[in-house]
PDB file of N, CA and C in Angstrom:
ATOM      1  N   UNK A   1      74.378 183.638 -16.979  1.00  0.00           N
ATOM      2  CA  UNK A   1      74.707 182.266 -17.312  1.00  0.00           C
ATOM      3  C   UNK A   1      76.211 182.080 -17.092  1.00  0.00           C
ATOM      4  N   UNK A   2      76.583 180.988 -16.498  1.00  0.00           N
ATOM      5  CA  UNK A   2      77.995 180.734 -16.214  1.00  0.00           C
ATOM      6  C   UNK A   2      78.721 180.339 -17.495  1.00  0.00           C
ATOM      7  N   UNK A   3      80.042 180.554 -17.515  1.00  0.00           N
ATOM      8  CA  UNK A   3      80.811 180.200 -18.718  1.00  0.00           C
ATOM      9  C   UNK A   3      80.832 178.683 -18.928  1.00  0.00           C
ATOM     10  N   UNK A   4      80.791 177.898 -17.847  1.00  0.00           N
ATOM     11  CA  UNK A   4      80.757 176.436 -17.972  1.00  0.00           C
ATOM     12  C   UNK A   4      79.465 176.003 -18.655  1.00  0.00           C
ATOM     13  N   UNK A   5      78.350 176.627 -18.284  1.00  0.00           N
ATOM     14  CA  UNK A   5      77.081 176.263 -18.901  1.00  0.00           C
ATOM     15  C   UNK A   5      77.066 176.701 -20.358  1.00  0.00           C
ATOM     16  N   UNK A   6      77.622 177.878 -20.649  1.00  0.00           N
ATOM     17  CA  UNK A   6      77.681 178.368 -22.014  1.00  0.00           C
ATOM     18  C   UNK A   6      78.480 177.406 -22.889  1.00  0.00           C
ATOM     19  N   UNK A   7      79.571 176.853 -22.323  1.00  0.00           N
ATOM     20  CA  UNK A   7      80.396 175.900 -23.074  1.00  0.00           C
ATOM     21  C   UNK A   7      79.646 174.593 -23.312  1.00  0.00           C
ATOM     22  N   UNK A   8      78.797 174.190 -22.371  1.00  0.00           N
ATOM     23  CA  UNK A   8      78.057 172.938 -22.482  1.00  0.00           C
ATOM     24  C   UNK A   8      76.907 173.058 -23.474  1.00  0.00           C
ATOM     25  N   UNK A   9      76.414 174.270 -23.681  1.00  0.00           N
ATOM     26  CA  UNK A   9      75.294 174.461 -24.591  1.00  0.00           C
ATOM     27  C   UNK A   9      75.767 174.485 -26.031  1.00  0.00           C
ATOM     28  N   UNK A  10      74.887 174.044 -26.926  1.00  0.00           N
ATOM     29  CA  UNK A  10      75.191 174.096 -28.350  1.00  0.00           C
ATOM     30  C   UNK A  10      73.957 174.635 -29.057  1.00  0.00           C
ATOM     31  N   UNK A  11      74.134 175.648 -29.874  1.00  0.00           N
ATOM     32  CA  UNK A  11      73.030 176.269 -30.596  1.00  0.00           C
ATOM     33  C   UNK A  11      72.820 175.523 -31.911  1.00  0.00           C
ATOM     34  N   UNK A  12      71.627 174.981 -32.102  1.00  0.00           N
ATOM     35  CA  UNK A  12      71.303 174.254 -33.328  1.00  0.00           C
ATOM     36  C   UNK A  12      70.459 175.088 -34.278  1.00  0.00           C
ATOM     37  N   UNK A  13      70.305 176.366 -34.005  1.00  0.00           N
ATOM     38  CA  UNK A  13      69.532 177.230 -34.887  1.00  0.00           C
ATOM     39  C   UNK A  13      68.088 177.351 -34.445  1.00  0.00           C
ATOM     40  N   UNK A  14      67.279 177.833 -35.345  1.00  0.00           N
ATOM     41  CA  UNK A  14      65.865 178.088 -35.052  1.00  0.00           C
ATOM     42  C   UNK A  14      64.975 177.327 -36.012  1.00  0.00           C
ATOM     43  N   UNK A  15      63.717 177.191 -35.633  1.00  0.00           N
ATOM     44  CA  UNK A  15      62.697 176.623 -36.503  1.00  0.00           C
ATOM     45  C   UNK A  15      61.488 177.538 -36.438  1.00  0.00           C
ATOM     46  N   UNK A  16      60.812 177.709 -37.541  1.00  0.00           N
ATOM     47  CA  UNK A  16      59.622 178.547 -37.596  1.00  0.00           C
ATOM     48  C   UNK A  16      58.390 177.665 -37.537  1.00  0.00           C
ATOM     49  N   UNK A  17      57.422 178.047 -36.734  1.00  0.00           N
ATOM     50  CA  UNK A  17      56.173 177.302 -36.627  1.00  0.00           C
ATOM     51  C   UNK A  17      55.272 177.727 -37.784  1.00  0.00           C
ATOM     52  N   UNK A  18      54.772 176.755 -38.545  1.00  0.00           N
ATOM     53  CA  UNK A  18      53.878 177.058 -39.661  1.00  0.00           C
ATOM     54  C   UNK A  18      52.465 177.293 -39.145  1.00  0.00           C
ATOM     55  N   UNK A  19      51.584 177.690 -40.044  1.00  0.00           N
ATOM     56  CA  UNK A  19      50.182 177.918 -39.666  1.00  0.00           C
ATOM     57  C   UNK A  19      49.514 176.635 -39.192  1.00  0.00           C
ATOM     58  N   UNK A  20      50.068 175.477 -39.560  1.00  0.00           N
ATOM     59  CA  UNK A  20      49.539 174.180 -39.119  1.00  0.00           C
ATOM     60  C   UNK A  20      50.207 173.705 -37.840  1.00  0.00           C
ATOM     61  N   UNK A  21      51.097 174.528 -37.251  1.00  0.00           N
ATOM     62  CA  UNK A  21      51.768 174.150 -36.013  1.00  0.00           C
ATOM     63  C   UNK A  21      52.951 173.228 -36.225  1.00  0.00           C
ATOM     64  N   UNK A  22      53.439 173.132 -37.450  1.00  0.00           N
ATOM     65  CA  UNK A  22      54.553 172.244 -37.754  1.00  0.00           C
ATOM     66  C   UNK A  22      55.864 173.015 -37.750  1.00  0.00           C
ATOM     67  N   UNK A  23      56.950 172.277 -37.491  1.00  0.00           N
ATOM     68  CA  UNK A  23      58.291 172.852 -37.568  1.00  0.00           C
ATOM     69  C   UNK A  23      59.179 171.884 -38.329  1.00  0.00           C
ATOM     70  N   UNK A  24      60.269 172.411 -38.863  1.00  0.00           N
ATOM     71  CA  UNK A  24      61.298 171.567 -39.457  1.00  0.00           C
ATOM     72  C   UNK A  24      62.465 171.559 -38.485  1.00  0.00           C
ATOM     73  N   UNK A  25      62.849 170.374 -38.051  1.00  0.00           N
ATOM     74  CA  UNK A  25      63.955 170.248 -37.107  1.00  0.00           C
ATOM     75  C   UNK A  25      65.255 170.506 -37.877  1.00  0.00           C
ATOM     76  N   UNK A  26      66.078 171.443 -37.423  1.00  0.00           N
ATOM     77  CA  UNK A  26      67.329 171.739 -38.132  1.00  0.00           C
ATOM     78  C   UNK A  26      68.176 170.489 -38.321  1.00  0.00           C
ATOM     79  N   UNK A  27      68.821 170.406 -39.488  1.00  0.00           N
ATOM     80  CA  UNK A  27      69.615 169.237 -39.845  1.00  0.00           C
ATOM     81  C   UNK A  27      70.681 168.912 -38.798  1.00  0.00           C
ATOM     82  N   UNK A  28      71.376 169.924 -38.307  1.00  0.00           N
ATOM     83  CA  UNK A  28      72.437 169.676 -37.312  1.00  0.00           C
ATOM     84  C   UNK A  28      71.861 169.018 -36.065  1.00  0.00           C
ATOM     85  N   UNK A  29      70.655 169.398 -35.665  1.00  0.00           N
ATOM     86  CA  UNK A  29      70.014 168.801 -34.488  1.00  0.00           C
ATOM     87  C   UNK A  29      69.586 167.368 -34.787  1.00  0.00           C
ATOM     88  N   UNK A  30      69.019 167.128 -35.983  1.00  0.00           N
ATOM     89  CA  UNK A  30      68.641 165.754 -36.360  1.00  0.00           C
ATOM     90  C   UNK A  30      69.856 164.845 -36.323  1.00  0.00           C
ATOM     91  N   UNK A  31      70.982 165.331 -36.841  1.00  0.00           N
ATOM     92  CA  UNK A  31      72.205 164.524 -36.834  1.00  0.00           C
ATOM     93  C   UNK A  31      72.701 164.283 -35.410  1.00  0.00           C
ATOM     94  N   UNK A  32      72.672 165.331 -34.580  1.00  0.00           N
ATOM     95  CA  UNK A  32      73.148 165.190 -33.199  1.00  0.00           C
ATOM     96  C   UNK A  32      72.295 164.200 -32.418  1.00  0.00           C
ATOM     97  N   UNK A  33      70.978 164.167 -32.699  1.00  0.00           N
ATOM     98  CA  UNK A  33      70.071 163.254 -32.009  1.00  0.00           C
ATOM     99  C   UNK A  33      70.033 161.878 -32.666  1.00  0.00           C
ATOM    100  N   UNK A  34      70.531 161.800 -33.890  1.00  0.00           N
ATOM    101  CA  UNK A  34      70.492 160.530 -34.617  1.00  0.00           C
ATOM    102  C   UNK A  34      69.091 160.154 -35.025  1.00  0.00           C
ATOM    103  N   UNK A  35      68.248 161.134 -35.339  1.00  0.00           N
ATOM    104  CA  UNK A  35      66.869 160.841 -35.704  1.00  0.00           C
ATOM    105  C   UNK A  35      66.695 160.923 -37.212  1.00  0.00           C
ATOM    106  N   UNK A  36      65.699 160.194 -37.692  1.00  0.00           N
ATOM    107  CA  UNK A  36      65.389 160.151 -39.115  1.00  0.00           C
ATOM    108  C   UNK A  36      63.873 160.102 -39.275  1.00  0.00           C
ATOM    109  N   UNK A  37      63.429 160.082 -40.500  1.00  0.00           N
ATOM    110  CA  UNK A  37      61.994 160.026 -40.791  1.00  0.00           C
ATOM    111  C   UNK A  37      61.361 158.855 -40.037  1.00  0.00           C
ATOM    112  N   UNK A  38      60.239 159.101 -39.404  1.00  0.00           N
ATOM    113  CA  UNK A  38      59.524 158.067 -38.657  1.00  0.00           C
ATOM    114  C   UNK A  38      59.844 158.045 -37.181  1.00  0.00           C
ATOM    115  N   UNK A  39      60.973 158.625 -36.784  1.00  0.00           N
ATOM    116  CA  UNK A  39      61.299 158.709 -35.362  1.00  0.00           C
ATOM    117  C   UNK A  39      60.402 159.754 -34.718  1.00  0.00           C
ATOM    118  N   UNK A  40      60.254 159.674 -33.412  1.00  0.00           N
ATOM    119  CA  UNK A  40      59.374 160.604 -32.695  1.00  0.00           C
ATOM    120  C   UNK A  40      60.195 161.492 -31.781  1.00  0.00           C
ATOM    121  N   UNK A  41      59.711 162.716 -31.592  1.00  0.00           N
ATOM    122  CA  UNK A  41      60.342 163.658 -30.671  1.00  0.00           C
ATOM    123  C   UNK A  41      59.327 163.996 -29.594  1.00  0.00           C
ATOM    124  N   UNK A  42      59.770 163.991 -28.364  1.00  0.00           N
ATOM    125  CA  UNK A  42      58.900 164.334 -27.224  1.00  0.00           C
ATOM    126  C   UNK A  42      59.415 165.637 -26.630  1.00  0.00           C
ATOM    127  N   UNK A  43      58.489 166.545 -26.335  1.00  0.00           N
ATOM    128  CA  UNK A  43      58.820 167.819 -25.717  1.00  0.00           C
ATOM    129  C   UNK A  43      58.324 167.779 -24.277  1.00  0.00           C
ATOM    130  N   UNK A  44      59.225 167.955 -23.323  1.00  0.00           N
ATOM    131  CA  UNK A  44      58.889 167.852 -21.902  1.00  0.00           C
ATOM    132  C   UNK A  44      59.204 169.183 -21.232  1.00  0.00           C
ATOM    133  N   UNK A  45      58.223 169.745 -20.539  1.00  0.00           N
ATOM    134  CA  UNK A  45      58.432 171.000 -19.824  1.00  0.00           C
ATOM    135  C   UNK A  45      58.879 170.706 -18.404  1.00  0.00           C
ATOM    136  N   UNK A  46      60.039 171.255 -18.032  1.00  0.00           N
ATOM    137  CA  UNK A  46      60.577 171.073 -16.684  1.00  0.00           C
ATOM    138  C   UNK A  46      59.893 171.997 -15.692  1.00  0.00           C
ATOM    139  N   UNK A  47      60.098 171.745 -14.416  1.00  0.00           N
ATOM    140  CA  UNK A  47      59.476 172.569 -13.372  1.00  0.00           C
ATOM    141  C   UNK A  47      59.982 173.999 -13.407  1.00  0.00           C
ATOM    142  N   UNK A  48      61.180 174.200 -13.982  1.00  0.00           N
ATOM    143  CA  UNK A  48      61.729 175.557 -14.080  1.00  0.00           C
ATOM    144  C   UNK A  48      61.285 176.271 -15.355  1.00  0.00           C
ATOM    145  N   UNK A  49      60.427 175.634 -16.157  1.00  0.00           N
ATOM    146  CA  UNK A  49      59.913 176.241 -17.382  1.00  0.00           C
ATOM    147  C   UNK A  49      60.703 175.902 -18.629  1.00  0.00           C
ATOM    148  N   UNK A  50      61.855 175.262 -18.478  1.00  0.00           N
ATOM    149  CA  UNK A  50      62.630 174.887 -19.658  1.00  0.00           C
ATOM    150  C   UNK A  50      61.946 173.740 -20.389  1.00  0.00           C
ATOM    151  N   UNK A  51      62.231 173.637 -21.660  1.00  0.00           N
ATOM    152  CA  UNK A  51      61.684 172.566 -22.484  1.00  0.00           C
ATOM    153  C   UNK A  51      62.818 171.619 -22.852  1.00  0.00           C
ATOM    154  N   UNK A  52      62.598 170.337 -22.617  1.00  0.00           N
ATOM    155  CA  UNK A  52      63.585 169.308 -22.942  1.00  0.00           C
ATOM    156  C   UNK A  52      63.058 168.517 -24.139  1.00  0.00           C
ATOM    157  N   UNK A  53      63.934 168.249 -25.091  1.00  0.00           N
ATOM    158  CA  UNK A  53      63.589 167.488 -26.284  1.00  0.00           C
ATOM    159  C   UNK A  53      64.165 166.085 -26.156  1.00  0.00           C
ATOM    160  N   UNK A  54      63.325 165.075 -26.286  1.00  0.00           N
ATOM    161  CA  UNK A  54      63.769 163.685 -26.188  1.00  0.00           C
ATOM    162  C   UNK A  54      63.481 162.971 -27.497  1.00  0.00           C
ATOM    163  N   UNK A  55      64.487 162.327 -28.052  1.00  0.00           N
ATOM    164  CA  UNK A  55      64.329 161.566 -29.283  1.00  0.00           C
ATOM    165  C   UNK A  55      63.901 160.146 -28.939  1.00  0.00           C
ATOM    166  N   UNK A  56      62.889 159.664 -29.635  1.00  0.00           N
ATOM    167  CA  UNK A  56      62.418 158.290 -29.466  1.00  0.00           C
ATOM    168  C   UNK A  56      62.499 157.627 -30.825  1.00  0.00           C
ATOM    169  N   UNK A  57      63.568 156.871 -31.050  1.00  0.00           N
ATOM    170  CA  UNK A  57      63.783 156.260 -32.352  1.00  0.00           C
ATOM    171  C   UNK A  57      62.776 155.152 -32.615  1.00  0.00           C
ATOM    172  N   UNK A  58      62.294 155.144 -33.825  1.00  0.00           N
ATOM    173  CA  UNK A  58      61.388 154.080 -34.258  1.00  0.00           C
ATOM    174  C   UNK A  58      62.239 152.851 -34.494  1.00  0.00           C
ATOM    175  N   UNK A  59      61.838 151.741 -33.930  1.00  0.00           N
ATOM    176  CA  UNK A  59      62.617 150.516 -34.087  1.00  0.00           C
ATOM    177  C   UNK A  59      61.857 149.543 -34.965  1.00  0.00           C
ATOM    178  N   UNK A  60      62.594 148.934 -35.875  1.00  0.00           N
ATOM    179  CA  UNK A  60      61.999 147.908 -36.712  1.00  0.00           C
ATOM    180  C   UNK A  60      61.925 146.614 -35.912  1.00  0.00           C
ATOM    181  N   UNK A  61      61.027 145.749 -36.282  1.00  0.00           N
ATOM    182  CA  UNK A  61      60.860 144.484 -35.567  1.00  0.00           C
ATOM    183  C   UNK A  61      62.152 143.665 -35.635  1.00  0.00           C
ATOM    184  N   UNK A  62      62.887 143.769 -36.743  1.00  0.00           N
ATOM    185  CA  UNK A  62      64.141 143.028 -36.866  1.00  0.00           C
ATOM    186  C   UNK A  62      65.156 143.552 -35.857  1.00  0.00           C
ATOM    187  N   UNK A  63      65.217 144.877 -35.689  1.00  0.00           N
ATOM    188  CA  UNK A  63      66.144 145.454 -34.707  1.00  0.00           C
ATOM    189  C   UNK A  63      65.794 144.968 -33.307  1.00  0.00           C
ATOM    190  N   UNK A  64      64.505 144.939 -32.995  1.00  0.00           N
ATOM    191  CA  UNK A  64      64.055 144.482 -31.683  1.00  0.00           C
ATOM    192  C   UNK A  64      64.429 143.015 -31.468  1.00  0.00           C
ATOM    193  N   UNK A  65      64.200 142.203 -32.488  1.00  0.00           N
ATOM    194  CA  UNK A  65      64.502 140.775 -32.372  1.00  0.00           C
ATOM    195  C   UNK A  65      65.995 140.542 -32.190  1.00  0.00           C
ATOM    196  N   UNK A  66      66.817 141.299 -32.927  1.00  0.00           N
ATOM    197  CA  UNK A  66      68.265 141.134 -32.784  1.00  0.00           C
ATOM    198  C   UNK A  66      68.726 141.547 -31.393  1.00  0.00           C
ATOM    199  N   UNK A  67      68.117 142.591 -30.854  1.00  0.00           N
ATOM    200  CA  UNK A  67      68.509 143.078 -29.535  1.00  0.00           C
ATOM    201  C   UNK A  67      68.035 142.141 -28.430  1.00  0.00           C
ATOM    202  N   UNK A  68      67.020 141.329 -28.729  1.00  0.00           N
ATOM    203  CA  UNK A  68      66.439 140.422 -27.738  1.00  0.00           C
ATOM    204  C   UNK A  68      66.461 139.006 -28.295  1.00  0.00           C
ATOM    205  N   UNK A  69      67.653 138.499 -28.525  1.00  0.00           N
ATOM    206  CA  UNK A  69      67.815 137.188 -29.155  1.00  0.00           C
ATOM    207  C   UNK A  69      67.090 136.104 -28.359  1.00  0.00           C
ATOM    208  N   UNK A  70      66.583 135.142 -29.082  1.00  0.00           N
ATOM    209  CA  UNK A  70      65.904 134.012 -28.439  1.00  0.00           C
ATOM    210  C   UNK A  70      66.631 132.733 -28.818  1.00  0.00           C
ATOM    211  N   UNK A  71      66.345 131.680 -28.107  1.00  0.00           N
ATOM    212  CA  UNK A  71      66.969 130.400 -28.380  1.00  0.00           C
ATOM    213  C   UNK A  71      65.880 129.359 -28.631  1.00  0.00           C
ATOM    214  N   UNK A  72      66.201 128.445 -29.523  1.00  0.00           N
ATOM    215  CA  UNK A  72      65.288 127.343 -29.818  1.00  0.00           C
ATOM    216  C   UNK A  72      65.992 126.057 -29.416  1.00  0.00           C
ATOM    217  N   UNK A  73      65.497 125.425 -28.390  1.00  0.00           N
ATOM    218  CA  UNK A  73      66.136 124.208 -27.906  1.00  0.00           C
ATOM    219  C   UNK A  73      67.540 124.505 -27.408  1.00  0.00           C
ATOM    220  N   UNK A  74      68.465 123.610 -27.701  1.00  0.00           N
ATOM    221  CA  UNK A  74      69.851 123.794 -27.276  1.00  0.00           C
ATOM    222  C   UNK A  74      70.628 124.685 -28.241  1.00  0.00           C
ATOM    223  N   UNK A  75      70.221 124.697 -29.505  1.00  0.00           N
ATOM    224  CA  UNK A  75      70.968 125.446 -30.518  1.00  0.00           C
ATOM    225  C   UNK A  75      70.406 126.857 -30.634  1.00  0.00           C
ATOM    226  N   UNK A  76      71.290 127.833 -30.779  1.00  0.00           N
ATOM    227  CA  UNK A  76      70.859 129.214 -30.990  1.00  0.00           C
ATOM    228  C   UNK A  76      70.279 129.372 -32.386  1.00  0.00           C
ATOM    229  N   UNK A  77      69.379 130.305 -32.564  1.00  0.00           N
ATOM    230  CA  UNK A  77      68.752 130.555 -33.851  1.00  0.00           C
ATOM    231  C   UNK A  77      69.464 131.721 -34.521  1.00  0.00           C
ATOM    232  N   UNK A  78      69.888 131.546 -35.771  1.00  0.00           N
ATOM    233  CA  UNK A  78      70.485 132.620 -36.555  1.00  0.00           C
ATOM    234  C   UNK A  78      69.320 133.420 -37.137  1.00  0.00           C
ATOM    235  N   UNK A  79      69.080 134.595 -36.582  1.00  0.00           N
ATOM    236  CA  UNK A  79      67.918 135.391 -36.965  1.00  0.00           C
ATOM    237  C   UNK A  79      67.955 135.778 -38.438  1.00  0.00           C
ATOM    238  N   UNK A  80      69.103 136.203 -38.937  1.00  0.00           N
ATOM    239  CA  UNK A  80      69.194 136.583 -40.347  1.00  0.00           C
ATOM    240  C   UNK A  80      68.843 135.403 -41.253  1.00  0.00           C
ATOM    241  N   UNK A  81      69.343 134.223 -40.904  1.00  0.00           N
ATOM    242  CA  UNK A  81      69.057 133.030 -41.701  1.00  0.00           C
ATOM    243  C   UNK A  81      67.568 132.686 -41.624  1.00  0.00           C
ATOM    244  N   UNK A  82      66.985 132.775 -40.441  1.00  0.00           N
ATOM    245  CA  UNK A  82      65.559 132.474 -40.272  1.00  0.00           C
ATOM    246  C   UNK A  82      64.696 133.441 -41.081  1.00  0.00           C
ATOM    247  N   UNK A  83      65.065 134.714 -41.088  1.00  0.00           N
ATOM    248  CA  UNK A  83      64.311 135.709 -41.863  1.00  0.00           C
ATOM    249  C   UNK A  83      64.443 135.420 -43.350  1.00  0.00           C
ATOM    250  N   UNK A  84      65.666 135.145 -43.810  1.00  0.00           N
ATOM    251  CA  UNK A  84      65.879 134.826 -45.225  1.00  0.00           C
ATOM    252  C   UNK A  84      65.066 133.608 -45.640  1.00  0.00           C
ATOM    253  N   UNK A  85      65.052 132.574 -44.801  1.00  0.00           N
ATOM    254  CA  UNK A  85      64.286 131.363 -45.116  1.00  0.00           C
ATOM    255  C   UNK A  85      62.796 131.661 -45.180  1.00  0.00           C
ATOM    256  N   UNK A  86      62.298 132.478 -44.262  1.00  0.00           N
ATOM    257  CA  UNK A  86      60.874 132.822 -44.256  1.00  0.00           C
ATOM    258  C   UNK A  86      60.506 133.618 -45.505  1.00  0.00           C
ATOM    259  N   UNK A  87      61.367 134.538 -45.910  1.00  0.00           N
ATOM    260  CA  UNK A  87      61.110 135.321 -47.117  1.00  0.00           C
ATOM    261  C   UNK A  87      61.113 134.417 -48.345  1.00  0.00           C
ATOM    262  N   UNK A  88      62.084 133.497 -48.410  1.00  0.00           N
ATOM    263  CA  UNK A  88      62.166 132.568 -49.537  1.00  0.00           C
ATOM    264  C   UNK A  88      60.915 131.715 -49.626  1.00  0.00           C
ATOM    265  N   UNK A  89      60.465 131.178 -48.501  1.00  0.00           N
ATOM    266  CA  UNK A  89      59.251 130.356 -48.488  1.00  0.00           C
ATOM    267  C   UNK A  89      58.027 131.166 -48.911  1.00  0.00           C
ATOM    268  N   UNK A  90      57.939 132.390 -48.447  1.00  0.00           N
ATOM    269  CA  UNK A  90      56.793 133.245 -48.806  1.00  0.00           C
ATOM    270  C   UNK A  90      56.798 133.544 -50.302  1.00  0.00           C
ATOM    271  N   UNK A  91      57.980 133.789 -50.876  1.00  0.00           N
ATOM    272  CA  UNK A  91      58.069 134.070 -52.311  1.00  0.00           C
ATOM    273  C   UNK A  91      57.708 132.829 -53.128  1.00  0.00           C
ATOM    274  N   UNK A  92      58.175 131.668 -52.673  1.00  0.00           N
ATOM    275  CA  UNK A  92      57.841 130.422 -53.367  1.00  0.00           C
ATOM    276  C   UNK A  92      56.338 130.169 -53.328  1.00  0.00           C
ATOM    277  N   UNK A  93      55.728 130.413 -52.172  1.00  0.00           N
ATOM    278  CA  UNK A  93      54.283 130.229 -52.045  1.00  0.00           C
ATOM    279  C   UNK A  93      53.524 131.201 -52.947  1.00  0.00           C
ATOM    280  N   UNK A  94      53.980 132.447 -53.010  1.00  0.00           N
ATOM    281  CA  UNK A  94      53.328 133.438 -53.872  1.00  0.00           C
ATOM    282  C   UNK A  94      53.438 133.016 -55.335  1.00  0.00           C
ATOM    283  N   UNK A  95      54.624 132.553 -55.738  1.00  0.00           N
ATOM    284  CA  UNK A  95      54.808 132.092 -57.116  1.00  0.00           C
ATOM    285  C   UNK A  95      53.921 130.895 -57.417  1.00  0.00           C
ATOM    286  N   UNK A  96      53.838 129.945 -56.465  1.00  0.00           N
ATOM    287  CA  UNK A  96      52.993 128.755 -56.657  1.00  0.00           C
ATOM    288  C   UNK A  96      51.541 129.148 -56.853  1.00  0.00           C
ATOM    289  N   UNK A  97      51.054 130.067 -56.013  1.00  0.00           N
ATOM    290  CA  UNK A  97      49.663 130.523 -56.139  1.00  0.00           C
ATOM    291  C   UNK A  97      49.431 131.267 -57.459  1.00  0.00           C
ATOM    292  N   UNK A  98      50.421 132.036 -57.872  1.00  0.00           N
ATOM    293  CA  UNK A  98      50.308 132.770 -59.127  1.00  0.00           C
ATOM    294  C   UNK A  98      50.203 131.812 -60.314  1.00  0.00           C
ATOM    295  N   UNK A  99      51.019 130.757 -60.286  1.00  0.00           N
ATOM    296  CA  UNK A  99      50.982 129.764 -61.350  1.00  0.00           C
ATOM    297  C   UNK A  99      49.647 129.031 -61.377  1.00  0.00           C
ATOM    298  N   UNK A 100      49.093 128.699 -60.197  1.00  0.00           N
ATOM    299  CA  UNK A 100      47.798 128.035 -60.109  1.00  0.00           C
ATOM    300  C   UNK A 100      46.708 128.926 -60.685  1.00  0.00           C
ATOM    301  N   UNK A 101      46.782 130.204 -60.370  1.00  0.00           N
ATOM    302  CA  UNK A 101      45.772 131.154 -60.831  1.00  0.00           C
ATOM    303  C   UNK A 101      45.852 131.313 -62.346  1.00  0.00           C
ATOM    304  N   UNK A 102      47.071 131.228 -62.901  1.00  0.00           N
ATOM    305  CA  UNK A 102      47.264 131.391 -64.339  1.00  0.00           C
ATOM    306  C   UNK A 102      46.996 130.095 -65.112  1.00  0.00           C
ATOM    307  N   UNK A 103      46.683 129.007 -64.391  1.00  0.00           N
ATOM    308  CA  UNK A 103      46.322 127.751 -65.022  1.00  0.00           C
ATOM    309  C   UNK A 103      47.487 126.864 -65.428  1.00  0.00           C
ATOM    310  N   UNK A 104      48.637 127.065 -64.815  1.00  0.00           N
ATOM    311  CA  UNK A 104      49.788 126.214 -65.143  1.00  0.00           C
ATOM    312  C   UNK A 104      49.734 124.900 -64.417  1.00  0.00           C
TER     313      UNK A 104
END
C-alpha cells in the first residue's frame, strides 16, 4: 500500500457480527458519515472485491419541502408559517370535536 493511500485511509475500528447478523456501527464512523437512528447504510461490493459503505440519510417531509420550495401565485409561501397554521387548525379541530363528544 502506498504512503499516500495510507494517509487517505482512516481506521474507524471494528464491529462484531451478532448471531442475528447485526452490527453496531462505531460512533466515530457514525459521526464521520453524519448518520443517526433511522438512516440507512448501503454496502456495495466493487469489482476489485472491496466493500464501499454509502450513507443514505432519512429525510423528513419538512426537510424535503424546504429543499424544494414551491410558490403559490405571485407570492412565495412561508413553509414554516404554513405548517404552524396547519398544526393550529388541526389542534383547534381536535379540541372542537372533543368538546362535542363531552357534551359541551
